[in-house]
Amino acid sequence: MANKIYNKLNFHSHTFCIWKEVLFSEIKDLKVNYKSQSGSKYIFTSEGLYRISNHWGRVANCHWRLIPLAQFKSQLNIVGFANWTDFYSNDDTSKLFFIKVDFESGEVNFHHKQSLEDQEKVVFRNAKETAKTIQIIKQVLTEYNWAKYLQYDNLEVLRKEIVNELMNSEKSFLEIKKQYL
């Protein structure tokens, strides 16, 4: 898949992007170039763009995730910055996404296949499969009922084994749990 070049004319159409929150002071001397119908404001630069908004995640036909400076609070305007090279093609049916889990923090996130930096073996899924798998992984990491009838010595070890299999295989949650009966 060739890397499409994104700019102020096409960044908002079927893209995936991970934005990084920045302080309002970073844009204090910059002029807003565009305001969307939903109230988000955009400032274009040669390197990328700033977005001032109170909504992130699924934005129209895009998947835009924000990496916050602090814990994200909905309904607050936040400034995010993304380089033009941070945008990737996105659609709901192609297998474009892979999942990563930080077991220390319990964070589960998805990434675009074009952002894969090393030869790490991952499973690519479409947007719907990715969202469903993330939901199951979060359940495994935070709840207990799913393990009720399974055979295991250490729940934390079991959690990690199951999450790794969910991330790195196309097996269903039920198929994976059957291995521990």
C-alpha atoms as a PDB file:
ATOM      1  CA  MET A   1       0.000   0.000   0.000  1.00  0.00           C
ATOM      2  CA  ALA A   2       1.552   3.260  -1.133  1.00  0.00           C
ATOM      3  CA  ASN A   3       1.710   6.061   1.383  1.00  0.00           C
ATOM      4  CA  LYS A   4      -0.740   8.753   0.383  1.00  0.00           C
ATOM      5  CA  ILE A   5       0.422  12.303   1.018  1.00  0.00           C
ATOM      6  CA  TYR A   6      -1.970  14.257   3.222  1.00  0.00           C
ATOM      7  CA  ASN A   7      -2.433  18.011   3.413  1.00  0.00           C
ATOM      8  CA  LYS A   8      -5.031  20.652   4.337  1.00  0.00           C
ATOM      9  CA  LEU A   9      -7.253  19.576   1.452  1.00  0.00           C
ATOM     10  CA  ASN A  10      -7.572  15.847   2.231  1.00  0.00           C
ATOM     11  CA  PHE A  11      -6.623  15.115   5.883  1.00  0.00           C
ATOM     12  CA  HIS A  12     -10.291  15.048   6.905  1.00  0.00           C
ATOM     13  CA  SER A  13     -11.423  12.327   4.504  1.00  0.00           C
ATOM     14  CA  HIS A  14     -11.220   8.689   5.631  1.00  0.00           C
ATOM     15  CA  THR A  15      -8.057   8.977   7.724  1.00  0.00           C
ATOM     16  CA  PHE A  16      -6.563   7.482  10.856  1.00  0.00           C
ATOM     17  CA  CYS A  17      -4.341   9.695  13.004  1.00  0.00           C
ATOM     18  CA  ILE A  18      -2.867   9.818  16.482  1.00  0.00           C
ATOM     19  CA  TRP A  19      -2.813  13.423  17.683  1.00  0.00           C
ATOM     20  CA  LYS A  20      -0.645  14.681  20.546  1.00  0.00           C
ATOM     21  CA  GLU A  21      -2.116  17.201  22.954  1.00  0.00           C
ATOM     22  CA  VAL A  22      -0.214  20.474  23.191  1.00  0.00           C
ATOM     23  CA  LEU A  23      -0.666  23.524  25.395  1.00  0.00           C
ATOM     24  CA  PHE A  24      -2.813  26.442  24.218  1.00  0.00           C
ATOM     25  CA  SER A  25       0.283  28.640  24.590  1.00  0.00           C
ATOM     26  CA  GLU A  26       1.767  26.842  21.558  1.00  0.00           C
ATOM     27  CA  ILE A  27      -0.907  28.342  19.274  1.00  0.00           C
ATOM     28  CA  LYS A  28      -1.435  31.749  20.921  1.00  0.00           C
ATOM     29  CA  ASP A  29       0.100  33.648  17.980  1.00  0.00           C
ATOM     30  CA  LEU A  30      -1.404  31.489  15.214  1.00  0.00           C
ATOM     31  CA  LYS A  31      -4.527  32.244  13.180  1.00  0.00           C
ATOM     32  CA  VAL A  32      -7.379  29.742  12.852  1.00  0.00           C
ATOM     33  CA  ASN A  33      -7.675  28.731   9.187  1.00  0.00           C
ATOM     34  CA  TYR A  34     -10.889  26.723   9.295  1.00  0.00           C
ATOM     35  CA  LYS A  35     -13.848  26.100  11.606  1.00  0.00           C
ATOM     36  CA  SER A  36     -15.977  22.977  11.088  1.00  0.00           C
ATOM     37  CA  GLN A  37     -19.754  22.724  11.472  1.00  0.00           C
ATOM     38  CA  SER A  38     -19.221  20.888  14.777  1.00  0.00           C
ATOM     39  CA  GLY A  39     -17.127  23.765  16.135  1.00  0.00           C
ATOM     40  CA  SER A  40     -13.635  22.274  15.796  1.00  0.00           C
ATOM     41  CA  LYS A  41     -11.000  24.767  14.712  1.00  0.00           C
ATOM     42  CA  TYR A  42      -7.980  24.018  12.550  1.00  0.00           C
ATOM     43  CA  ILE A  43      -4.655  25.787  12.134  1.00  0.00           C
ATOM     44  CA  PHE A  44      -2.554  24.645   9.167  1.00  0.00           C
ATOM     45  CA  THR A  45       1.257  24.750   9.138  1.00  0.00           C
ATOM     46  CA  SER A  46       3.794  23.397   6.669  1.00  0.00           C
ATOM     47  CA  GLU A  47       4.636  20.524   9.100  1.00  0.00           C
ATOM     48  CA  GLY A  48       1.074  19.583  10.064  1.00  0.00           C
ATOM     49  CA  LEU A  49      -1.967  20.978  11.778  1.00  0.00           C
ATOM     50  CA  TYR A  50      -3.419  21.937  15.119  1.00  0.00           C
ATOM     51  CA  ARG A  51      -6.967  20.961  16.014  1.00  0.00           C
ATOM     52  CA  ILE A  52      -8.889  22.679  18.803  1.00  0.00           C
ATOM     53  CA  SER A  53     -11.845  20.503  19.736  1.00  0.00           C
ATOM     54  CA  ASN A  54     -13.936  18.954  22.479  1.00  0.00           C
ATOM     55  CA  HIS A  55     -14.460  15.651  20.640  1.00  0.00           C
ATOM     56  CA  TRP A  56     -11.940  13.013  19.558  1.00  0.00           C
ATOM     57  CA  GLY A  57     -12.109   9.379  18.504  1.00  0.00           C
ATOM     58  CA  ARG A  58     -14.586   8.734  15.721  1.00  0.00           C
ATOM     59  CA  VAL A  59     -14.792  12.042  13.844  1.00  0.00           C
ATOM     60  CA  ALA A  60     -17.085  11.821  10.783  1.00  0.00           C
ATOM     61  CA  ASN A  61     -15.420   9.155   8.615  1.00  0.00           C
ATOM     62  CA  CYS A  62     -12.076   9.342  10.457  1.00  0.00           C
ATOM     63  CA  HIS A  63     -10.521   7.630  13.473  1.00  0.00           C
ATOM     64  CA  TRP A  64      -8.582  10.298  15.375  1.00  0.00           C
ATOM     65  CA  ARG A  65      -7.114   9.365  18.736  1.00  0.00           C
ATOM     66  CA  LEU A  66      -5.684  11.944  21.133  1.00  0.00           C
ATOM     67  CA  ILE A  67      -2.699  11.293  23.362  1.00  0.00           C
ATOM     68  CA  PRO A  68      -3.467  13.644  26.248  1.00  0.00           C
ATOM     69  CA  LEU A  69      -0.982  15.531  28.404  1.00  0.00           C
ATOM     70  CA  ALA A  70      -3.189  14.608  31.380  1.00  0.00           C
ATOM     71  CA  GLN A  71      -6.296  12.481  31.793  1.00  0.00           C
ATOM     72  CA  PHE A  72      -8.733  13.343  28.982  1.00  0.00           C
ATOM     73  CA  LYS A  73     -11.901  15.096  30.110  1.00  0.00           C
ATOM     74  CA  SER A  74     -14.776  15.170  27.638  1.00  0.00           C
ATOM     75  CA  GLN A  75     -16.411  18.483  26.736  1.00  0.00           C
ATOM     76  CA  LEU A  76     -13.229  20.514  27.226  1.00  0.00           C
ATOM     77  CA  ASN A  77     -11.561  22.124  24.253  1.00  0.00           C
ATOM     78  CA  ILE A  78      -8.153  20.573  23.799  1.00  0.00           C
ATOM     79  CA  VAL A  79      -5.434  21.419  21.300  1.00  0.00           C
ATOM     80  CA  GLY A  80      -3.954  18.488  19.426  1.00  0.00           C
ATOM     81  CA  PHE A  81      -1.148  18.523  16.876  1.00  0.00           C
ATOM     82  CA  ALA A  82      -0.433  16.029  14.100  1.00  0.00           C
ATOM     83  CA  ASN A  83       2.230  16.057  11.427  1.00  0.00           C
ATOM     84  CA  TRP A  84       0.993  15.549   7.881  1.00  0.00           C
ATOM     85  CA  THR A  85       2.931  12.268   7.925  1.00  0.00           C
ATOM     86  CA  ASP A  86       0.858  11.063  10.927  1.00  0.00           C
ATOM     87  CA  PHE A  87      -2.237  10.590   8.736  1.00  0.00           C
ATOM     88  CA  TYR A  88      -2.976   7.205   7.187  1.00  0.00           C
ATOM     89  CA  SER A  89      -5.671   5.943   4.866  1.00  0.00           C
ATOM     90  CA  ASN A  90      -8.688   4.500   6.655  1.00  0.00           C
ATOM     91  CA  ASP A  91     -11.818   2.597   5.781  1.00  0.00           C
ATOM     92  CA  ASP A  92     -14.105   0.343   7.771  1.00  0.00           C
ATOM     93  CA  THR A  93     -13.658  -2.871   5.789  1.00  0.00           C
ATOM     94  CA  SER A  94      -9.908  -3.215   5.103  1.00  0.00           C
ATOM     95  CA  LYS A  95      -7.671  -4.959   7.627  1.00  0.00           C
ATOM     96  CA  LEU A  96      -5.660  -1.872   8.559  1.00  0.00           C
ATOM     97  CA  PHE A  97      -5.341  -2.046  12.343  1.00  0.00           C
ATOM     98  CA  PHE A  98      -3.407  -3.951  14.980  1.00  0.00           C
ATOM     99  CA  ILE A  99      -3.744  -3.885  18.763  1.00  0.00           C
ATOM    100  CA  LYS A 100      -1.131  -3.206  21.424  1.00  0.00           C
ATOM    101  CA  VAL A 101      -1.558  -3.609  25.173  1.00  0.00           C
ATOM    102  CA  ASP A 102       0.525  -2.010  27.905  1.00  0.00           C
ATOM    103  CA  PHE A 103       0.125  -4.530  30.721  1.00  0.00           C
ATOM    104  CA  GLU A 104       1.693  -2.147  33.248  1.00  0.00           C
ATOM    105  CA  SER A 105      -0.890   0.594  32.762  1.00  0.00           C
ATOM    106  CA  GLY A 106      -3.707  -1.602  31.456  1.00  0.00           C
ATOM    107  CA  GLU A 107      -4.029   0.569  28.344  1.00  0.00           C
ATOM    108  CA  VAL A 108      -5.307  -1.014  25.150  1.00  0.00           C
ATOM    109  CA  ASN A 109      -4.923   0.842  21.853  1.00  0.00           C
ATOM    110  CA  PHE A 110      -5.083   0.230  18.140  1.00  0.00           C
ATOM    111  CA  HIS A 111      -2.597   1.393  15.538  1.00  0.00           C
ATOM    112  CA  HIS A 112      -2.542   1.643  11.754  1.00  0.00           C
ATOM    113  CA  LYS A 113      -0.568  -0.984   9.827  1.00  0.00           C
ATOM    114  CA  GLN A 114       1.491   1.740   8.121  1.00  0.00           C
ATOM    115  CA  SER A 115       2.761   2.858  11.533  1.00  0.00           C
ATOM    116  CA  LEU A 116       4.289  -0.559  12.275  1.00  0.00           C
ATOM    117  CA  GLU A 117       7.972   0.222  12.795  1.00  0.00           C
ATOM    118  CA  ASP A 118       9.591  -3.151  13.269  1.00  0.00           C
ATOM    119  CA  GLN A 119       9.046  -6.657  12.000  1.00  0.00           C
ATOM    120  CA  GLU A 120       6.893  -7.521  14.986  1.00  0.00           C
ATOM    121  CA  LYS A 121       4.290 -10.159  14.156  1.00  0.00           C
ATOM    122  CA  VAL A 122       0.800  -8.747  14.543  1.00  0.00           C
ATOM    123  CA  VAL A 123      -2.699  -9.574  13.359  1.00  0.00           C
ATOM    124  CA  PHE A 124      -4.434  -6.973  11.231  1.00  0.00           C
ATOM    125  CA  ARG A 125      -8.175  -6.428  11.613  1.00  0.00           C
ATOM    126  CA  ASN A 126     -10.792  -4.119  10.162  1.00  0.00           C
ATOM    127  CA  ALA A 127     -12.247  -1.332  12.327  1.00  0.00           C
ATOM    128  CA  LYS A 128     -15.230  -3.351  13.597  1.00  0.00           C
ATOM    129  CA  GLU A 129     -13.141  -6.443  14.489  1.00  0.00           C
ATOM    130  CA  THR A 130     -10.569  -4.211  16.177  1.00  0.00           C
ATOM    131  CA  ALA A 131     -13.192  -2.462  18.320  1.00  0.00           C
ATOM    132  CA  LYS A 132     -14.750  -5.801  19.326  1.00  0.00           C
ATOM    133  CA  THR A 133     -11.372  -7.335  20.238  1.00  0.00           C
ATOM    134  CA  ILE A 134     -10.405  -4.260  22.286  1.00  0.00           C
ATOM    135  CA  GLN A 135     -13.694  -4.494  24.174  1.00  0.00           C
ATOM    136  CA  ILE A 136     -12.991  -8.166  25.028  1.00  0.00           C
ATOM    137  CA  ILE A 137      -9.394  -7.406  26.056  1.00  0.00           C
ATOM    138  CA  LYS A 138     -10.594  -4.653  28.398  1.00  0.00           C
ATOM    139  CA  GLN A 139     -13.068  -7.109  29.914  1.00  0.00           C
ATOM    140  CA  VAL A 140     -10.301  -9.685  30.456  1.00  0.00           C
ATOM    141  CA  LEU A 141      -8.038  -7.077  32.053  1.00  0.00           C
ATOM    142  CA  THR A 142     -10.636  -5.604  34.431  1.00  0.00           C
ATOM    143  CA  GLU A 143     -13.348  -8.166  35.172  1.00  0.00           C
ATOM    144  CA  TYR A 144     -13.434 -11.589  36.834  1.00  0.00           C
ATOM    145  CA  ASN A 145     -16.632 -13.354  35.722  1.00  0.00           C
ATOM    146  CA  TRP A 146     -15.162 -14.501  32.397  1.00  0.00           C
ATOM    147  CA  ALA A 147     -12.678 -16.735  34.308  1.00  0.00           C
ATOM    148  CA  LYS A 148     -15.270 -18.319  36.605  1.00  0.00           C
ATOM    149  CA  TYR A 149     -15.092 -21.893  35.239  1.00  0.00           C
ATOM    150  CA  LEU A 150     -11.530 -21.913  33.917  1.00  0.00           C
ATOM    151  CA  GLN A 151      -8.581 -23.864  35.295  1.00  0.00           C
ATOM    152  CA  TYR A 152      -5.659 -21.654  36.330  1.00  0.00           C
ATOM    153  CA  ASP A 153      -3.231 -21.030  39.193  1.00  0.00           C
ATOM    154  CA  ASN A 154      -2.653 -17.296  38.786  1.00  0.00           C
ATOM    155  CA  LEU A 155      -5.322 -14.964  37.358  1.00  0.00           C
ATOM    156  CA  GLU A 156      -2.804 -12.309  36.277  1.00  0.00           C
ATOM    157  CA  VAL A 157      -0.784 -14.869  34.305  1.00  0.00           C
ATOM    158  CA  LEU A 158      -4.001 -16.172  32.735  1.00  0.00           C
ATOM    159  CA  ARG A 159      -5.070 -12.625  31.810  1.00  0.00           C
ATOM    160  CA  LYS A 160      -1.770 -11.995  30.044  1.00  0.00           C
ATOM    161  CA  GLU A 161      -1.855 -15.326  28.166  1.00  0.00           C
ATOM    162  CA  ILE A 162      -5.419 -14.755  26.967  1.00  0.00           C
ATOM    163  CA  VAL A 163      -4.835 -11.121  26.000  1.00  0.00           C
ATOM    164  CA  ASN A 164      -1.713 -12.089  24.027  1.00  0.00           C
ATOM    165  CA  GLU A 165      -3.677 -14.752  22.186  1.00  0.00           C
ATOM    166  CA  LEU A 166      -6.542 -12.329  21.479  1.00  0.00           C
ATOM    167  CA  MET A 167      -4.058  -9.798  20.057  1.00  0.00           C
ATOM    168  CA  ASN A 168      -1.909 -12.234  18.091  1.00  0.00           C
ATOM    169  CA  SER A 169      -4.388 -14.719  16.656  1.00  0.00           C
ATOM    170  CA  GLU A 170      -7.724 -14.743  14.930  1.00  0.00           C
ATOM    171  CA  LYS A 171      -9.210 -17.174  17.462  1.00  0.00           C
ATOM    172  CA  SER A 172     -12.455 -16.179  19.134  1.00  0.00           C
ATOM    173  CA  PHE A 173     -12.592 -15.509  22.874  1.00  0.00           C
ATOM    174  CA  LEU A 174     -14.646 -18.693  23.278  1.00  0.00           C
ATOM    175  CA  GLU A 175     -12.040 -20.789  21.423  1.00  0.00           C
ATOM    176  CA  ILE A 176      -9.288 -19.388  23.639  1.00  0.00           C
ATOM    177  CA  LYS A 177     -11.223 -19.962  26.882  1.00  0.00           C
ATOM    178  CA  LYS A 178     -11.923 -23.609  25.876  1.00  0.00           C
ATOM    179  CA  GLN A 179      -8.192 -24.274  26.167  1.00  0.00           C
ATOM    180  CA  TYR A 180      -8.427 -23.569  29.915  1.00  0.00           C
ATOM    181  CA  LEU A 181     -11.420 -25.788  30.816  1.00  0.00           C
END
